[in-house]
Amino acid sequence: MNVELPDQIAVVVEETARSRGQETGSLVAELATEAMKMRLVPGIVFADGPAGRRARVEGTGIEVFEVVQAYLAAGRDRDDLGQAFHWLDDRQVDAALAYFRQFPDDVEPFLFHSDEELEAFFEEARRKLSSQKPASR
């Protein structure tokens, strides 16, 4: 596949690839993949973090895996999930769960599989919860 980019964008892509120590073609493939995933699941964005780029719920700092982890821990109960993330609206919760359904391999590596990992997650969620103001629904 050949892709032609406007000159201004091509320069930015080349500079970004160089600054990240990445091949230009690899960066273009990464960006195209993310763009298609965002188009397929509106309400999802990608952001850099300490563990690399991951899917996040648009308009929040919440990563998709955090919502999915709480959903699975709540026995896939939407009401319990809504209580755990009361500041997210239904559209945001739907986007996170839709992303997980469509791209489980992107989310699965970040899910916790032990009680210790899960307890640490809930401690962090409680900390975030106490610092957030409830959203009006």
N, C-alpha and C. Protein backbone atom coordinates (compact mmCIF):
# COMPACT_ATOMS: atom_id res chain seq x y z
N MET A 1 0.85 -1.17 0.00
CA MET A 1 0.00 0.00 0.00
C MET A 1 0.89 1.24 0.00
N ASN A 2 0.61 2.15 -0.88
CA ASN A 2 1.32 3.42 -0.91
C ASN A 2 0.40 4.50 -0.38
N VAL A 3 0.94 5.36 0.45
CA VAL A 3 0.15 6.44 1.03
C VAL A 3 0.85 7.76 0.71
N GLU A 4 0.10 8.69 0.17
CA GLU A 4 0.65 10.02 -0.09
C GLU A 4 0.07 10.97 0.94
N LEU A 5 0.96 11.68 1.62
CA LEU A 5 0.55 12.64 2.64
C LEU A 5 0.85 14.04 2.14
N PRO A 6 0.05 15.02 2.54
CA PRO A 6 0.41 16.41 2.22
C PRO A 6 1.81 16.71 2.77
N ASP A 7 2.55 17.54 2.07
CA ASP A 7 3.94 17.83 2.43
C ASP A 7 4.09 18.23 3.90
N GLN A 8 3.23 19.11 4.36
CA GLN A 8 3.32 19.59 5.75
C GLN A 8 3.18 18.43 6.74
N ILE A 9 2.27 17.52 6.48
CA ILE A 9 2.06 16.36 7.36
C ILE A 9 3.22 15.39 7.24
N ALA A 10 3.71 15.18 6.04
CA ALA A 10 4.84 14.27 5.83
C ALA A 10 6.06 14.73 6.63
N VAL A 11 6.31 16.02 6.66
CA VAL A 11 7.44 16.55 7.43
C VAL A 11 7.25 16.27 8.91
N VAL A 12 6.05 16.51 9.42
CA VAL A 12 5.77 16.27 10.84
C VAL A 12 5.91 14.78 11.17
N VAL A 13 5.41 13.92 10.30
CA VAL A 13 5.51 12.48 10.53
C VAL A 13 6.98 12.06 10.56
N GLU A 14 7.77 12.55 9.62
CA GLU A 14 9.20 12.20 9.61
C GLU A 14 9.92 12.71 10.85
N GLU A 15 9.62 13.93 11.27
CA GLU A 15 10.26 14.48 12.47
C GLU A 15 9.85 13.68 13.72
N THR A 16 8.58 13.33 13.79
CA THR A 16 8.08 12.56 14.94
C THR A 16 8.72 11.18 14.98
N ALA A 17 8.79 10.53 13.84
CA ALA A 17 9.41 9.20 13.78
C ALA A 17 10.87 9.28 14.20
N ARG A 18 11.57 10.27 13.70
CA ARG A 18 12.98 10.44 14.04
C ARG A 18 13.15 10.68 15.54
N SER A 19 12.31 11.53 16.11
CA SER A 19 12.44 11.85 17.55
C SER A 19 12.11 10.66 18.44
N ARG A 20 11.31 9.74 17.92
CA ARG A 20 10.94 8.54 18.69
C ARG A 20 11.83 7.35 18.37
N GLY A 21 12.75 7.53 17.43
CA GLY A 21 13.60 6.42 17.03
C GLY A 21 12.83 5.32 16.33
N GLN A 22 11.86 5.73 15.55
CA GLN A 22 10.94 4.79 14.90
C GLN A 22 11.02 4.97 13.39
N GLU A 23 10.84 3.90 12.66
CA GLU A 23 10.78 3.99 11.20
C GLU A 23 9.52 4.77 10.81
N THR A 24 9.63 5.57 9.77
CA THR A 24 8.49 6.37 9.32
C THR A 24 7.30 5.50 8.94
N GLY A 25 7.54 4.43 8.23
CA GLY A 25 6.46 3.53 7.83
C GLY A 25 5.76 2.91 9.02
N SER A 26 6.53 2.58 10.04
CA SER A 26 5.96 2.01 11.26
C SER A 26 5.06 3.02 11.97
N LEU A 27 5.50 4.28 12.02
CA LEU A 27 4.69 5.32 12.65
C LEU A 27 3.41 5.56 11.85
N VAL A 28 3.50 5.59 10.54
CA VAL A 28 2.30 5.78 9.69
C VAL A 28 1.32 4.63 9.92
N ALA A 29 1.82 3.41 10.02
CA ALA A 29 0.94 2.25 10.26
C ALA A 29 0.28 2.37 11.63
N GLU A 30 1.05 2.79 12.65
CA GLU A 30 0.50 2.96 13.99
C GLU A 30 -0.60 4.02 14.00
N LEU A 31 -0.33 5.15 13.35
CA LEU A 31 -1.31 6.24 13.32
C LEU A 31 -2.56 5.85 12.54
N ALA A 32 -2.39 5.15 11.43
CA ALA A 32 -3.54 4.71 10.63
C ALA A 32 -4.38 3.71 11.43
N THR A 33 -3.72 2.81 12.14
CA THR A 33 -4.43 1.83 12.96
C THR A 33 -5.24 2.52 14.04
N GLU A 34 -4.62 3.46 14.74
CA GLU A 34 -5.33 4.20 15.78
C GLU A 34 -6.50 4.99 15.20
N ALA A 35 -6.28 5.63 14.06
CA ALA A 35 -7.35 6.41 13.43
C ALA A 35 -8.55 5.53 13.08
N MET A 36 -8.28 4.34 12.54
CA MET A 36 -9.38 3.44 12.19
C MET A 36 -10.10 2.93 13.43
N LYS A 37 -9.36 2.63 14.49
CA LYS A 37 -9.99 2.18 15.73
C LYS A 37 -10.87 3.29 16.31
N MET A 38 -10.40 4.53 16.25
CA MET A 38 -11.21 5.64 16.76
C MET A 38 -12.45 5.85 15.89
N ARG A 39 -12.34 5.59 14.61
CA ARG A 39 -13.49 5.71 13.72
C ARG A 39 -14.49 4.59 13.97
N LEU A 40 -13.97 3.39 14.24
CA LEU A 40 -14.84 2.24 14.50
C LEU A 40 -15.51 2.32 15.87
N VAL A 41 -14.85 2.96 16.82
CA VAL A 41 -15.40 3.07 18.18
C VAL A 41 -15.32 4.55 18.61
N PRO A 42 -16.31 5.35 18.20
CA PRO A 42 -16.31 6.76 18.60
C PRO A 42 -16.30 6.88 20.12
N GLY A 43 -15.57 7.88 20.59
CA GLY A 43 -15.47 8.11 22.03
C GLY A 43 -14.18 7.56 22.62
N ILE A 44 -13.34 6.97 21.77
CA ILE A 44 -12.05 6.44 22.20
C ILE A 44 -10.96 7.29 21.56
N VAL A 45 -9.93 7.58 22.35
CA VAL A 45 -8.74 8.28 21.86
C VAL A 45 -7.52 7.50 22.32
N PHE A 46 -6.38 7.86 21.80
CA PHE A 46 -5.13 7.21 22.21
C PHE A 46 -4.21 8.26 22.80
N ALA A 47 -3.50 7.87 23.85
CA ALA A 47 -2.59 8.80 24.51
C ALA A 47 -1.37 8.06 25.00
N ASP A 48 -0.25 8.77 25.01
CA ASP A 48 0.98 8.21 25.56
C ASP A 48 0.89 8.20 27.07
N GLY A 49 1.45 7.16 27.65
CA GLY A 49 1.53 7.04 29.09
C GLY A 49 2.82 6.33 29.45
N PRO A 50 3.03 6.10 30.75
CA PRO A 50 4.26 5.45 31.19
C PRO A 50 4.47 4.07 30.56
N ALA A 51 3.39 3.38 30.24
CA ALA A 51 3.49 2.03 29.66
C ALA A 51 3.27 2.04 28.15
N GLY A 52 3.38 3.21 27.52
CA GLY A 52 3.18 3.31 26.08
C GLY A 52 1.82 3.89 25.73
N ARG A 53 1.46 3.81 24.46
CA ARG A 53 0.17 4.36 24.01
C ARG A 53 -0.93 3.36 24.29
N ARG A 54 -2.01 3.88 24.85
CA ARG A 54 -3.16 3.02 25.14
C ARG A 54 -4.44 3.79 24.87
N ALA A 55 -5.50 3.00 24.72
CA ALA A 55 -6.83 3.57 24.47
C ALA A 55 -7.36 4.18 25.75
N ARG A 56 -7.95 5.37 25.61
CA ARG A 56 -8.58 6.07 26.73
C ARG A 56 -9.99 6.49 26.34
N VAL A 57 -10.78 6.73 27.36
CA VAL A 57 -12.13 7.25 27.15
C VAL A 57 -11.99 8.75 26.87
N GLU A 58 -12.52 9.17 25.74
CA GLU A 58 -12.41 10.57 25.33
C GLU A 58 -12.96 11.51 26.40
N GLY A 59 -12.22 12.58 26.65
CA GLY A 59 -12.67 13.59 27.60
C GLY A 59 -12.33 13.27 29.04
N THR A 60 -11.57 12.19 29.25
CA THR A 60 -11.19 11.78 30.60
C THR A 60 -9.74 11.34 30.56
N GLY A 61 -9.18 11.08 31.70
CA GLY A 61 -7.85 10.47 31.77
C GLY A 61 -7.97 8.97 31.99
N ILE A 62 -9.18 8.45 31.89
CA ILE A 62 -9.45 7.05 32.21
C ILE A 62 -9.08 6.16 31.03
N GLU A 63 -8.26 5.16 31.30
CA GLU A 63 -7.90 4.21 30.26
C GLU A 63 -8.99 3.15 30.15
N VAL A 64 -9.18 2.64 28.95
CA VAL A 64 -10.23 1.66 28.69
C VAL A 64 -10.11 0.47 29.64
N PHE A 65 -8.89 0.01 29.87
CA PHE A 65 -8.74 -1.17 30.72
C PHE A 65 -9.26 -0.92 32.13
N GLU A 66 -9.20 0.31 32.62
CA GLU A 66 -9.69 0.61 33.97
C GLU A 66 -11.21 0.39 34.04
N VAL A 67 -11.92 0.85 33.04
CA VAL A 67 -13.38 0.67 32.99
C VAL A 67 -13.70 -0.82 32.86
N VAL A 68 -12.99 -1.50 31.98
CA VAL A 68 -13.23 -2.93 31.75
C VAL A 68 -12.94 -3.73 33.01
N GLN A 69 -11.84 -3.39 33.70
CA GLN A 69 -11.50 -4.10 34.94
C GLN A 69 -12.63 -3.98 35.95
N ALA A 70 -13.14 -2.79 36.13
CA ALA A 70 -14.24 -2.59 37.09
C ALA A 70 -15.49 -3.32 36.63
N TYR A 71 -15.76 -3.32 35.34
CA TYR A 71 -16.92 -4.01 34.78
C TYR A 71 -16.84 -5.51 35.05
N LEU A 72 -15.69 -6.10 34.80
CA LEU A 72 -15.52 -7.53 35.03
C LEU A 72 -15.57 -7.85 36.53
N ALA A 73 -14.96 -7.01 37.34
CA ALA A 73 -14.98 -7.22 38.80
C ALA A 73 -16.39 -7.11 39.36
N ALA A 74 -17.24 -6.33 38.70
CA ALA A 74 -18.63 -6.15 39.14
C ALA A 74 -19.54 -7.21 38.53
N GLY A 75 -18.95 -8.25 37.98
CA GLY A 75 -19.77 -9.32 37.39
C GLY A 75 -20.50 -8.87 36.14
N ARG A 76 -19.91 -7.94 35.41
CA ARG A 76 -20.49 -7.38 34.18
C ARG A 76 -21.82 -6.65 34.44
N ASP A 77 -21.93 -6.09 35.64
CA ASP A 77 -23.13 -5.36 36.03
C ASP A 77 -22.95 -3.87 35.72
N ARG A 78 -23.75 -3.36 34.77
CA ARG A 78 -23.63 -1.96 34.36
C ARG A 78 -23.96 -1.00 35.49
N ASP A 79 -24.92 -1.36 36.35
CA ASP A 79 -25.27 -0.46 37.46
C ASP A 79 -24.11 -0.30 38.42
N ASP A 80 -23.47 -1.42 38.78
CA ASP A 80 -22.30 -1.34 39.66
C ASP A 80 -21.17 -0.56 39.00
N LEU A 81 -20.99 -0.77 37.71
CA LEU A 81 -19.96 -0.04 36.97
C LEU A 81 -20.27 1.46 37.00
N GLY A 82 -21.54 1.80 36.81
CA GLY A 82 -21.94 3.21 36.86
C GLY A 82 -21.67 3.85 38.20
N GLN A 83 -21.78 3.09 39.27
CA GLN A 83 -21.47 3.61 40.60
C GLN A 83 -19.96 3.79 40.77
N ALA A 84 -19.18 2.85 40.25
CA ALA A 84 -17.73 2.93 40.38
C ALA A 84 -17.16 4.11 39.58
N PHE A 85 -17.76 4.40 38.44
CA PHE A 85 -17.30 5.50 37.58
C PHE A 85 -18.46 6.47 37.36
N HIS A 86 -19.00 6.98 38.43
CA HIS A 86 -20.21 7.81 38.35
C HIS A 86 -20.01 9.09 37.55
N TRP A 87 -18.79 9.52 37.35
CA TRP A 87 -18.54 10.74 36.61
C TRP A 87 -18.51 10.51 35.10
N LEU A 88 -18.54 9.25 34.66
CA LEU A 88 -18.61 8.95 33.23
C LEU A 88 -20.07 8.89 32.81
N ASP A 89 -20.38 9.44 31.66
CA ASP A 89 -21.75 9.33 31.18
C ASP A 89 -21.91 8.00 30.42
N ASP A 90 -23.14 7.66 30.09
CA ASP A 90 -23.42 6.38 29.45
C ASP A 90 -22.66 6.21 28.13
N ARG A 91 -22.53 7.29 27.37
CA ARG A 91 -21.81 7.24 26.10
C ARG A 91 -20.35 6.86 26.32
N GLN A 92 -19.75 7.39 27.37
CA GLN A 92 -18.35 7.09 27.65
C GLN A 92 -18.17 5.64 28.09
N VAL A 93 -19.06 5.16 28.94
CA VAL A 93 -19.00 3.76 29.38
C VAL A 93 -19.22 2.84 28.18
N ASP A 94 -20.21 3.16 27.36
CA ASP A 94 -20.49 2.35 26.17
C ASP A 94 -19.27 2.29 25.26
N ALA A 95 -18.56 3.40 25.09
CA ALA A 95 -17.38 3.42 24.22
C ALA A 95 -16.30 2.50 24.76
N ALA A 96 -16.05 2.56 26.06
CA ALA A 96 -15.01 1.70 26.65
C ALA A 96 -15.35 0.23 26.47
N LEU A 97 -16.59 -0.13 26.74
CA LEU A 97 -16.99 -1.54 26.61
C LEU A 97 -17.02 -1.98 25.15
N ALA A 98 -17.42 -1.09 24.25
CA ALA A 98 -17.41 -1.42 22.82
C ALA A 98 -15.99 -1.63 22.33
N TYR A 99 -15.07 -0.81 22.81
CA TYR A 99 -13.67 -0.98 22.41
C TYR A 99 -13.15 -2.34 22.88
N PHE A 100 -13.49 -2.71 24.10
CA PHE A 100 -13.06 -4.01 24.63
C PHE A 100 -13.64 -5.15 23.81
N ARG A 101 -14.93 -5.06 23.44
CA ARG A 101 -15.55 -6.11 22.63
C ARG A 101 -14.87 -6.22 21.26
N GLN A 102 -14.55 -5.06 20.67
CA GLN A 102 -13.99 -5.07 19.32
C GLN A 102 -12.49 -5.38 19.30
N PHE A 103 -11.76 -4.95 20.35
CA PHE A 103 -10.30 -5.11 20.36
C PHE A 103 -9.82 -5.68 21.70
N PRO A 104 -10.29 -6.87 22.06
CA PRO A 104 -9.93 -7.42 23.38
C PRO A 104 -8.42 -7.62 23.55
N ASP A 105 -7.71 -7.90 22.48
CA ASP A 105 -6.27 -8.11 22.59
C ASP A 105 -5.52 -6.84 22.98
N ASP A 106 -6.13 -5.67 22.73
CA ASP A 106 -5.51 -4.41 23.14
C ASP A 106 -5.67 -4.17 24.63
N VAL A 107 -6.71 -4.74 25.22
CA VAL A 107 -7.07 -4.46 26.62
C VAL A 107 -6.59 -5.56 27.56
N GLU A 108 -6.71 -6.78 27.14
CA GLU A 108 -6.43 -7.94 27.99
C GLU A 108 -5.07 -7.88 28.71
N PRO A 109 -3.99 -7.49 28.05
CA PRO A 109 -2.69 -7.49 28.75
C PRO A 109 -2.64 -6.57 29.96
N PHE A 110 -3.54 -5.61 30.05
CA PHE A 110 -3.51 -4.65 31.14
C PHE A 110 -4.48 -4.99 32.27
N LEU A 111 -5.28 -6.04 32.09
CA LEU A 111 -6.22 -6.44 33.13
C LEU A 111 -5.48 -7.18 34.24
N PHE A 112 -5.97 -7.02 35.45
CA PHE A 112 -5.35 -7.64 36.61
C PHE A 112 -5.92 -9.04 36.80
N HIS A 113 -5.05 -9.97 37.16
CA HIS A 113 -5.48 -11.35 37.27
C HIS A 113 -5.25 -11.94 38.65
N SER A 114 -4.85 -11.10 39.60
CA SER A 114 -4.66 -11.60 40.97
C SER A 114 -5.39 -10.68 41.93
N ASP A 115 -5.69 -11.18 43.10
CA ASP A 115 -6.37 -10.38 44.12
C ASP A 115 -5.54 -9.17 44.51
N GLU A 116 -4.23 -9.34 44.58
CA GLU A 116 -3.36 -8.23 44.98
C GLU A 116 -3.39 -7.11 43.93
N GLU A 117 -3.31 -7.50 42.67
CA GLU A 117 -3.37 -6.50 41.61
C GLU A 117 -4.72 -5.80 41.61
N LEU A 118 -5.76 -6.56 41.81
CA LEU A 118 -7.11 -5.99 41.81
C LEU A 118 -7.32 -5.05 42.98
N GLU A 119 -6.83 -5.41 44.16
CA GLU A 119 -6.97 -4.54 45.33
C GLU A 119 -6.22 -3.22 45.12
N ALA A 120 -5.04 -3.29 44.54
CA ALA A 120 -4.30 -2.06 44.25
C ALA A 120 -5.08 -1.18 43.27
N PHE A 121 -5.71 -1.82 42.29
CA PHE A 121 -6.53 -1.09 41.33
C PHE A 121 -7.68 -0.36 42.03
N PHE A 122 -8.38 -1.10 42.93
CA PHE A 122 -9.51 -0.49 43.62
C PHE A 122 -9.06 0.63 44.56
N GLU A 123 -7.90 0.50 45.16
CA GLU A 123 -7.37 1.58 45.99
C GLU A 123 -7.18 2.84 45.15
N GLU A 124 -6.61 2.67 43.96
CA GLU A 124 -6.41 3.80 43.07
C GLU A 124 -7.75 4.37 42.62
N ALA A 125 -8.71 3.51 42.31
CA ALA A 125 -10.04 3.97 41.90
C ALA A 125 -10.70 4.75 43.02
N ARG A 126 -10.57 4.26 44.24
CA ARG A 126 -11.16 4.99 45.39
C ARG A 126 -10.51 6.36 45.55
N ARG A 127 -9.19 6.41 45.35
CA ARG A 127 -8.49 7.68 45.44
C ARG A 127 -9.01 8.65 44.38
N LYS A 128 -9.15 8.16 43.15
CA LYS A 128 -9.67 9.00 42.07
C LYS A 128 -11.11 9.41 42.35
N LEU A 129 -11.88 8.48 42.86
CA LEU A 129 -13.29 8.76 43.17
C LEU A 129 -13.41 9.87 44.19
N SER A 130 -12.57 9.85 45.19
CA SER A 130 -12.66 10.87 46.25
C SER A 130 -12.22 12.24 45.75
N SER A 131 -11.46 12.27 44.64
CA SER A 131 -11.01 13.55 44.11
C SER A 131 -11.91 14.09 43.00
N GLN A 132 -12.89 13.29 42.56
CA GLN A 132 -13.79 13.69 41.49
C GLN A 132 -15.10 14.21 42.06
N LYS A 133 -15.68 15.17 41.37
CA LYS A 133 -17.01 15.63 41.72
C LYS A 133 -18.02 14.81 40.92
N PRO A 134 -19.16 14.46 41.53
CA PRO A 134 -20.17 13.69 40.78
C PRO A 134 -20.66 14.47 39.57
N ALA A 135 -20.81 13.77 38.47
CA ALA A 135 -21.38 14.37 37.26
C ALA A 135 -22.89 14.33 37.34
N SER A 136 -23.53 15.37 36.83
CA SER A 136 -24.99 15.33 36.82
C SER A 136 -25.44 14.53 35.63
N ARG A 137 -26.44 13.72 35.85
CA ARG A 137 -26.96 12.86 34.78
C ARG A 137 -28.31 13.32 34.35
